[in-house]
Amino acid sequence: MKKKKNRRHHPTPRREGAHREASPKNPPKPLPERPEERAFGWRAALALIFFAVFVGTYWPNWVRIVGKWASEPDYSHGFLVIPFVAWCGWRRRETLPASRFSSLGLLLIVAGVAMRVFGGMYYIDAVEDWSMLLWLGGATWLIWGGRVFWWAAPLIGFLFFMTPLPFGLEEAMARPLQAFATKASTWSLQLLGQPALANGNEIHVGKQILDVERACSGLRIFMSMVAMGIGFLLFNPNRPWWVQATVLAATVPIALISNVTRIVATGLLHTWVSSAAAHQFSHAFAGWGMILFAMVLFVLMLKYLDALFPVATDMRKAMVAPAVAPRQASS
């Protein structure tokens, strides 16, 4: 039998310095930057540039808009719009799609600039304010791409509620609301046994006269409730479409009922307590108080829909369950 030769395995020669330990004289080479990191860096820098240009260009508009929020009760809800949009975007951050540069965003930016020039030429402040939405949408599309733009489009569109309405549209909405509030409040006071009589935009309750002014038209509550309904749709995209349509349509009667409740309560305070108490309630408490009252009605309406249509609630839970199950399994 042949004996097997013992073959010695000689180590392969290594290149000098191939596995040299890191030292102050030989520091380790930094890893090359990935393309995604480089792309995020220039996108962030470009976003900061666009933000600086946006603030500098629209600064006079922002001063006027914030002044409206502070001085006119109909638009005081504007202080809550931007925090709400930021919160809603943060809650939806897990669904943020991948980003990529798209030159199509320049079209929206150009449209926003043209819209602002048009509003400035004809002194239409609302058109100038609305051009900000096109400008923001175009910048988002340009820097982050079309998929991110469509993801952010509902949030950018919701910023519409922070801008004051044109004077003509504001008057066209306030007058019918004012007339309805007068008639409905008079009928409600009569139903409660009060000697109420409507005369134009005045309600005569005994010897007292309630003047349903333009500020009492309910435009403030109306805009707040419509914003709340659309905000609900942003937070609950998995609800059936007919539930979403019902919720959005219910914001109008809820706003009307809340405003009528305010006027009726003021009339009853005039009769049962004093004119001073009625004045204090109408001007000091009823503004934000009626918005909170409308929110309570809105929540009760949602609870009623869930109890009336449990199938829709089960469908919503079933759609959310697959997203929650993997997290529970991993934990």
Protein backbone atom coordinates (compact mmCIF):
# COMPACT_ATOMS: atom_id res chain seq x y z
CA MET A 1 0.00 0.00 0.00
CA LYS A 2 1.18 3.44 -0.81
CA LYS A 3 1.66 5.79 2.03
CA LYS A 4 -0.05 9.09 1.77
CA LYS A 5 2.28 11.96 1.76
CA ASN A 6 1.74 14.56 4.37
CA ARG A 7 1.17 17.75 2.52
CA ARG A 8 1.90 20.81 4.50
CA HIS A 9 -0.45 23.66 3.90
CA HIS A 10 1.56 26.79 3.68
CA PRO A 11 -0.39 29.92 4.42
CA THR A 12 -0.91 32.12 1.45
CA PRO A 13 1.15 35.27 1.65
CA ARG A 14 -0.89 38.29 2.61
CA ARG A 15 -0.41 41.69 1.29
CA GLU A 16 1.50 43.90 3.59
CA GLY A 17 -0.83 46.06 5.63
CA ALA A 18 -4.00 44.24 4.47
CA HIS A 19 -5.20 43.52 8.03
CA ARG A 20 -3.24 46.10 9.87
CA GLU A 21 -4.85 47.19 13.08
CA ALA A 22 -6.15 50.70 13.28
CA SER A 23 -3.80 53.10 14.98
CA PRO A 24 -3.29 56.82 15.12
CA LYS A 25 -0.74 56.46 12.34
CA ASN A 26 -3.04 54.26 10.24
CA PRO A 27 -6.64 55.39 10.84
CA PRO A 28 -9.40 53.28 9.27
CA LYS A 29 -10.75 54.54 5.99
CA PRO A 30 -14.33 55.85 6.23
CA LEU A 31 -17.00 53.85 4.43
CA PRO A 32 -18.13 55.36 1.15
CA GLU A 33 -21.38 57.33 1.37
CA ARG A 34 -24.35 55.52 -0.09
CA PRO A 35 -26.31 57.11 -2.95
CA GLU A 36 -29.46 57.27 -0.78
CA GLU A 37 -27.64 59.33 1.84
CA ARG A 38 -26.24 61.70 -0.76
CA ALA A 39 -29.71 62.09 -2.31
CA PHE A 40 -31.28 62.83 1.06
CA GLY A 41 -28.60 65.42 1.79
CA TRP A 42 -29.14 67.46 -1.34
CA ARG A 43 -32.92 67.10 -1.05
CA ALA A 44 -32.80 68.47 2.48
CA ALA A 45 -30.57 71.35 1.36
CA LEU A 46 -32.89 72.11 -1.55
CA ALA A 47 -35.93 71.97 0.76
CA LEU A 48 -34.31 74.52 3.09
CA ILE A 49 -33.63 76.83 0.16
CA PHE A 50 -37.22 76.55 -1.05
CA PHE A 51 -38.51 77.13 2.48
CA ALA A 52 -36.42 80.30 2.83
CA VAL A 53 -37.69 81.57 -0.53
CA PHE A 54 -41.26 80.69 0.45
CA VAL A 55 -41.09 82.55 3.77
CA GLY A 56 -39.45 85.59 2.22
CA THR A 57 -41.91 85.74 -0.67
CA TYR A 58 -45.10 85.22 1.31
CA TRP A 59 -44.14 87.03 4.50
CA PRO A 60 -46.63 89.91 3.94
CA ASN A 61 -49.38 87.34 3.33
CA TRP A 62 -48.56 85.54 6.57
CA VAL A 63 -48.66 88.80 8.54
CA ARG A 64 -52.13 89.57 7.15
CA ILE A 65 -53.43 86.01 7.66
CA VAL A 66 -52.26 85.77 11.27
CA GLY A 67 -53.77 89.21 11.88
CA LYS A 68 -57.11 87.85 10.63
CA TRP A 69 -56.83 84.88 12.98
CA ALA A 70 -56.23 87.19 15.92
CA SER A 71 -58.83 89.86 15.10
CA GLU A 72 -61.79 88.07 13.49
CA PRO A 73 -63.58 85.29 15.41
CA ASP A 74 -64.67 83.60 12.17
CA TYR A 75 -61.04 82.65 11.45
CA SER A 76 -59.64 82.07 14.94
CA HIS A 77 -59.51 78.33 14.15
CA GLY A 78 -56.61 79.11 11.80
CA PHE A 79 -54.18 78.82 14.72
CA LEU A 80 -55.02 75.11 14.93
CA VAL A 81 -54.70 74.21 11.23
CA ILE A 82 -50.91 73.95 10.89
CA PRO A 83 -50.42 71.96 14.15
CA PHE A 84 -53.20 69.62 13.05
CA VAL A 85 -51.58 69.07 9.64
CA ALA A 86 -48.21 68.39 11.28
CA TRP A 87 -49.78 65.89 13.70
CA CYS A 88 -51.67 64.16 10.92
CA GLY A 89 -48.52 63.88 8.80
CA TRP A 90 -46.61 62.44 11.75
CA ARG A 91 -49.28 59.79 12.29
CA ARG A 92 -49.12 58.82 8.61
CA ARG A 93 -45.30 58.75 8.46
CA GLU A 94 -45.16 54.94 8.12
CA THR A 95 -47.02 55.13 4.81
CA LEU A 96 -44.62 57.69 3.33
CA PRO A 97 -43.52 56.34 -0.10
CA ALA A 98 -40.04 56.41 -1.57
CA SER A 99 -38.90 59.73 -2.95
CA ARG A 100 -37.33 60.69 -6.24
CA PHE A 101 -36.71 63.95 -8.07
CA SER A 102 -39.38 65.02 -10.58
CA SER A 103 -39.22 68.09 -12.78
CA LEU A 104 -43.03 68.05 -13.17
CA GLY A 105 -43.22 69.95 -9.89
CA LEU A 106 -41.98 73.03 -11.72
CA LEU A 107 -45.36 73.23 -13.47
CA LEU A 108 -47.17 73.66 -10.15
CA ILE A 109 -44.61 76.20 -8.95
CA VAL A 110 -45.05 78.25 -12.12
CA ALA A 111 -48.84 78.00 -11.72
CA GLY A 112 -48.55 79.20 -8.12
CA VAL A 113 -46.38 82.16 -9.14
CA ALA A 114 -48.85 83.08 -11.92
CA MET A 115 -51.75 82.80 -9.48
CA ARG A 116 -50.03 85.12 -7.02
CA VAL A 117 -49.23 87.67 -9.71
CA PHE A 118 -52.87 87.59 -10.83
CA GLY A 119 -54.12 88.09 -7.27
CA GLY A 120 -51.71 90.97 -6.73
CA MET A 121 -52.69 92.70 -9.98
CA TYR A 122 -56.41 92.62 -9.16
CA TYR A 123 -56.01 93.01 -5.36
CA ILE A 124 -57.59 89.64 -4.53
CA ASP A 125 -55.94 88.59 -1.28
CA ALA A 126 -57.56 85.15 -1.22
CA VAL A 127 -56.09 84.22 -4.63
CA GLU A 128 -52.64 85.22 -3.39
CA ASP A 129 -53.13 83.10 -0.27
CA TRP A 130 -54.32 80.08 -2.24
CA SER A 131 -51.26 80.29 -4.47
CA MET A 132 -49.22 79.16 -1.45
CA LEU A 133 -50.85 75.74 -1.67
CA LEU A 134 -49.81 75.32 -5.32
CA TRP A 135 -46.32 76.53 -4.45
CA LEU A 136 -45.97 74.04 -1.60
CA GLY A 137 -47.35 71.21 -3.73
CA GLY A 138 -44.98 72.02 -6.58
CA ALA A 139 -41.96 72.15 -4.28
CA THR A 140 -42.94 68.80 -2.76
CA TRP A 141 -43.36 67.23 -6.21
CA LEU A 142 -40.06 68.69 -7.45
CA ILE A 143 -37.92 67.62 -4.49
CA TRP A 144 -39.55 64.39 -3.34
CA GLY A 145 -41.42 63.13 -6.42
CA GLY A 146 -44.96 62.44 -7.52
CA ARG A 147 -45.69 59.64 -5.04
CA VAL A 148 -44.76 61.81 -2.06
CA PHE A 149 -46.80 64.66 -3.57
CA TRP A 150 -49.96 62.54 -3.72
CA TRP A 151 -49.25 61.33 -0.19
CA ALA A 152 -49.00 64.93 1.03
CA ALA A 153 -51.77 66.37 -1.19
CA PRO A 154 -54.58 65.95 1.41
CA LEU A 155 -52.42 67.63 4.06
CA ILE A 156 -51.50 70.52 1.79
CA GLY A 157 -55.12 70.88 0.72
CA PHE A 158 -56.24 71.05 4.35
CA LEU A 159 -54.20 74.24 4.71
CA PHE A 160 -57.01 75.91 2.75
CA PHE A 161 -58.90 76.29 6.04
CA MET A 162 -56.23 78.61 7.43
CA THR A 163 -56.77 81.21 4.67
CA PRO A 164 -59.57 83.80 4.92
CA LEU A 165 -62.33 83.62 2.33
CA PRO A 166 -62.83 86.36 -0.28
CA PHE A 167 -65.11 89.11 0.95
CA GLY A 168 -67.79 88.38 -1.66
CA LEU A 169 -67.87 84.66 -0.88
CA GLU A 170 -67.81 85.39 2.84
CA GLU A 171 -70.85 87.66 2.54
CA ALA A 172 -72.64 85.20 0.26
CA MET A 173 -72.24 82.48 2.90
CA ALA A 174 -72.88 84.63 5.97
CA ARG A 175 -76.20 86.15 4.88
CA PRO A 176 -78.15 82.89 4.39
CA LEU A 177 -76.62 81.49 7.58
CA GLN A 178 -77.68 84.64 9.42
CA ALA A 179 -81.24 84.43 8.08
CA PHE A 180 -81.52 80.74 8.93
CA ALA A 181 -80.18 81.33 12.45
CA THR A 182 -82.78 84.06 13.03
CA LYS A 183 -85.76 81.99 11.86
CA ALA A 184 -84.67 78.73 13.51
CA SER A 185 -83.90 80.48 16.82
CA THR A 186 -87.27 82.23 16.80
CA TRP A 187 -89.08 78.97 16.18
CA SER A 188 -87.09 77.24 18.96
CA LEU A 189 -87.88 80.01 21.45
CA GLN A 190 -91.56 79.78 20.55
CA LEU A 191 -91.38 76.03 21.03
CA LEU A 192 -90.01 76.66 24.54
CA GLY A 193 -92.97 78.90 25.34
CA GLN A 194 -91.28 82.27 24.84
CA PRO A 195 -93.08 85.16 23.09
CA ALA A 196 -90.53 85.41 20.25
CA LEU A 197 -91.05 87.23 16.97
CA ALA A 198 -88.58 87.66 14.11
CA ASN A 199 -88.17 91.02 12.41
CA GLY A 200 -85.41 90.92 9.81
CA ASN A 201 -82.30 89.85 11.68
CA GLU A 202 -83.79 90.79 15.04
CA ILE A 203 -85.64 88.54 17.47
CA HIS A 204 -88.10 90.23 19.84
CA VAL A 205 -88.45 88.20 23.04
CA GLY A 206 -90.91 90.05 25.22
CA LYS A 207 -89.34 93.44 25.84
CA GLN A 208 -85.88 92.26 24.86
CA ILE A 209 -84.44 92.49 21.35
CA LEU A 210 -81.81 89.98 20.20
CA ASP A 211 -79.81 91.32 17.27
CA VAL A 212 -78.50 88.39 15.24
CA GLU A 213 -75.45 90.19 13.92
CA ARG A 214 -73.15 89.00 11.20
CA ALA A 215 -70.79 87.62 13.85
CA CYS A 216 -73.70 85.43 15.02
CA SER A 217 -74.29 83.99 11.55
CA GLY A 218 -72.45 80.78 12.46
CA LEU A 219 -69.80 81.06 9.75
CA ARG A 220 -67.10 80.40 12.32
CA ILE A 221 -68.71 77.19 13.55
CA PHE A 222 -69.56 76.19 9.97
CA MET A 223 -65.94 76.47 8.78
CA SER A 224 -64.65 74.74 11.91
CA MET A 225 -67.05 71.81 11.49
CA VAL A 226 -66.28 71.35 7.78
CA ALA A 227 -62.59 71.35 8.66
CA MET A 228 -63.28 68.80 11.40
CA GLY A 229 -65.17 66.55 8.99
CA ILE A 230 -62.37 66.60 6.41
CA GLY A 231 -59.83 66.07 9.18
CA PHE A 232 -61.79 63.00 10.28
CA LEU A 233 -61.48 61.61 6.74
CA LEU A 234 -57.71 62.14 6.87
CA PHE A 235 -57.48 60.23 10.14
CA ASN A 236 -59.85 57.43 9.11
CA PRO A 237 -59.17 56.50 5.48
CA ASN A 238 -60.29 52.89 6.10
CA ARG A 239 -63.90 53.79 6.82
CA PRO A 240 -66.43 52.80 4.10
CA TRP A 241 -67.10 55.55 1.58
CA TRP A 242 -70.74 55.89 2.58
CA VAL A 243 -69.74 56.42 6.23
CA GLN A 244 -67.26 59.09 5.16
CA ALA A 245 -69.91 60.80 3.01
CA THR A 246 -72.40 60.70 5.91
CA VAL A 247 -69.87 62.19 8.33
CA LEU A 248 -68.95 64.97 5.91
CA ALA A 249 -72.61 65.79 5.18
CA ALA A 250 -73.47 65.82 8.91
CA THR A 251 -71.04 68.66 9.61
CA VAL A 252 -73.49 71.19 8.13
CA PRO A 253 -76.53 70.43 10.38
CA ILE A 254 -74.25 70.09 13.40
CA ALA A 255 -72.89 73.60 12.76
CA LEU A 256 -76.40 75.01 12.30
CA ILE A 257 -77.73 73.32 15.45
CA SER A 258 -74.79 74.60 17.50
CA ASN A 259 -75.26 78.19 16.37
CA VAL A 260 -79.03 78.09 16.99
CA THR A 261 -78.37 76.67 20.46
CA ARG A 262 -76.12 79.64 21.19
CA ILE A 263 -78.78 82.20 20.19
CA VAL A 264 -81.58 80.39 22.04
CA ALA A 265 -79.47 80.14 25.20
CA THR A 266 -78.76 83.88 24.96
CA GLY A 267 -82.48 84.64 24.65
CA LEU A 268 -83.35 82.46 27.63
CA LEU A 269 -80.67 84.15 29.74
CA HIS A 270 -82.18 87.53 28.82
CA THR A 271 -85.57 86.35 30.07
CA TRP A 272 -84.68 84.20 33.08
CA VAL A 273 -81.47 85.78 34.43
CA SER A 274 -80.39 89.22 33.20
CA SER A 275 -79.18 91.08 30.16
CA ALA A 276 -75.68 91.25 31.61
CA ALA A 277 -75.53 87.46 31.96
CA ALA A 278 -76.80 87.04 28.40
CA HIS A 279 -74.19 89.49 27.08
CA GLN A 280 -71.43 87.75 29.03
CA PHE A 281 -72.46 84.35 27.70
CA SER A 282 -72.82 85.50 24.09
CA HIS A 283 -69.47 87.30 23.84
CA ALA A 284 -67.19 85.66 26.39
CA PHE A 285 -68.15 81.98 26.40
CA ALA A 286 -70.32 81.10 23.44
CA GLY A 287 -67.59 81.49 20.80
CA TRP A 288 -65.24 78.64 21.69
CA GLY A 289 -67.88 77.05 23.89
CA MET A 290 -70.17 76.39 20.94
CA ILE A 291 -67.28 74.95 18.93
CA LEU A 292 -66.64 72.51 21.77
CA PHE A 293 -70.38 71.79 21.90
CA ALA A 294 -70.30 71.06 18.15
CA MET A 295 -67.33 68.72 18.67
CA VAL A 296 -69.31 66.81 21.29
CA LEU A 297 -72.22 66.46 18.85
CA PHE A 298 -69.78 65.27 16.19
CA VAL A 299 -68.33 62.58 18.47
CA LEU A 300 -71.82 61.45 19.52
CA MET A 301 -72.77 61.17 15.85
CA LEU A 302 -69.73 58.94 15.22
CA LYS A 303 -70.65 56.74 18.19
CA TYR A 304 -74.19 56.47 16.87
CA LEU A 305 -72.95 55.43 13.42
CA ASP A 306 -70.72 52.75 14.96
CA ALA A 307 -73.66 51.42 16.98
CA LEU A 308 -76.08 51.63 14.07
CA PHE A 309 -73.77 49.96 11.54
CA PRO A 310 -71.55 47.52 13.47
CA VAL A 311 -70.62 45.79 10.21
CA ALA A 312 -68.75 48.90 9.09
CA THR A 313 -66.91 48.99 12.40
CA ASP A 314 -65.95 45.31 12.08
CA MET A 315 -64.73 45.92 8.53
CA ARG A 316 -62.55 48.79 9.72
CA LYS A 317 -61.07 46.67 12.51
CA ALA A 318 -60.43 43.83 10.07
CA MET A 319 -58.54 46.18 7.75
CA VAL A 320 -56.41 47.48 10.61
CA ALA A 321 -55.76 44.02 12.14
CA PRO A 322 -53.27 42.75 9.47
CA ALA A 323 -51.05 45.75 10.11
CA VAL A 324 -51.09 45.19 13.87
CA ALA A 325 -50.63 41.39 13.84
CA PRO A 326 -46.98 41.33 12.64
CA ARG A 327 -45.96 43.75 15.39
CA GLN A 328 -47.58 41.57 18.04
CA ALA A 329 -45.94 38.47 16.61
CA SER A 330 -42.50 40.08 16.56
CA SER A 331 -42.84 41.18 20.16
